Amino acid sequence: MTYQRRPPQKKPTSAYHNIMKYVSLVMVFIYFGFGLYVLLSSPDQIALPKEYKIIIGGLLVFYGFIRFVRAYQEYFKKNRRYEE
């Protein structure tokens, strides 16, 4: 007995899916930009010790990078399971 392989199926794209794709990219730029702002700001702009600014800015940039990787994997990377 032989089984027929199912035809490839595409993930359905809805309006919500498309909106969330762009919202997640905007959030990536916000986290990354705010992290750079904290790192590069003068003491007059943000009144924190330099060590705290480095920690907070570095964490924001790192979190922006993580959000970018997750958004890329979820919304932009082709799913190889459906291509066979």
Protein backbone atom coordinates (compact mmCIF):
# COMPACT_ATOMS: atom_id res chain seq x y z
CA MET A 1 0.00 0.00 0.00
CA THR A 2 1.42 3.37 -1.00
CA TYR A 3 0.42 6.67 0.43
CA GLN A 4 0.15 9.85 -1.52
CA ARG A 5 1.98 12.82 -0.15
CA ARG A 6 -0.18 15.82 0.63
CA PRO A 7 0.27 18.83 -1.62
CA PRO A 8 2.21 21.67 -0.02
CA GLN A 9 0.12 24.05 2.03
CA LYS A 10 0.83 27.69 2.52
CA LYS A 11 0.25 29.42 5.80
CA PRO A 12 -2.81 31.63 5.58
CA THR A 13 -2.04 35.33 5.65
CA SER A 14 -4.60 37.52 7.28
CA ALA A 15 -4.74 41.26 7.84
CA TYR A 16 -3.76 40.70 11.47
CA HIS A 17 -0.70 38.72 10.37
CA ASN A 18 0.41 41.50 8.01
CA ILE A 19 -0.13 44.21 10.61
CA MET A 20 1.80 42.30 13.27
CA LYS A 21 4.70 41.84 10.86
CA TYR A 22 5.16 45.59 10.56
CA VAL A 23 4.41 46.32 14.22
CA SER A 24 7.13 43.88 15.25
CA LEU A 25 9.62 45.58 12.91
CA VAL A 26 8.72 49.00 14.32
CA MET A 27 9.29 47.68 17.84
CA VAL A 28 12.70 46.35 16.78
CA PHE A 29 13.70 49.83 15.61
CA ILE A 30 12.31 51.43 18.77
CA TYR A 31 14.25 49.14 21.11
CA PHE A 32 17.42 49.39 19.06
CA GLY A 33 17.16 53.17 18.66
CA PHE A 34 16.37 53.82 22.31
CA GLY A 35 19.28 51.58 23.33
CA LEU A 36 21.63 53.58 21.13
CA TYR A 37 20.19 56.82 22.51
CA VAL A 38 20.85 55.69 26.08
CA LEU A 39 24.37 54.55 25.19
CA LEU A 40 25.32 57.72 23.33
CA SER A 41 23.50 60.33 25.42
CA SER A 42 25.32 62.97 27.39
CA PRO A 43 25.02 63.23 31.18
CA ASP A 44 22.75 66.27 30.71
CA GLN A 45 20.21 64.26 28.71
CA ILE A 46 19.98 61.19 30.96
CA ALA A 47 21.11 61.61 34.53
CA LEU A 48 22.46 58.12 35.22
CA PRO A 49 25.94 56.90 36.05
CA LYS A 50 27.90 55.77 32.99
CA GLU A 51 27.91 52.12 34.10
CA TYR A 52 24.10 52.03 34.35
CA LYS A 53 23.72 53.66 30.95
CA ILE A 54 25.99 51.04 29.40
CA ILE A 55 24.04 48.21 31.02
CA ILE A 56 20.58 49.57 30.15
CA GLY A 57 21.56 50.62 26.62
CA GLY A 58 23.29 47.32 25.95
CA LEU A 59 20.27 45.36 27.16
CA LEU A 60 17.93 47.39 24.97
CA VAL A 61 20.11 46.89 21.88
CA PHE A 62 20.42 43.17 22.65
CA TYR A 63 16.66 42.82 23.15
CA GLY A 64 16.06 44.67 19.87
CA PHE A 65 18.33 42.17 18.15
CA ILE A 66 16.48 39.23 19.72
CA ARG A 67 13.13 40.69 18.62
CA PHE A 68 14.49 41.07 15.10
CA VAL A 69 15.58 37.43 14.96
CA ARG A 70 12.21 36.24 16.26
CA ALA A 71 10.27 38.47 13.84
CA TYR A 72 12.43 37.29 10.94
CA GLN A 73 11.86 33.65 11.81
CA GLU A 74 8.13 34.07 12.28
CA TYR A 75 7.18 36.43 9.46
CA PHE A 76 9.89 36.45 6.80
CA LYS A 77 11.62 33.07 6.75
CA LYS A 78 10.10 30.48 4.44
CA ASN A 79 8.98 27.35 6.18
CA ARG A 80 10.88 24.48 4.56
CA ARG A 81 8.39 21.93 5.83
CA TYR A 82 5.81 23.13 3.32
CA GLU A 83 8.21 23.32 0.36
CA GLU A 84 8.89 19.60 -0.10
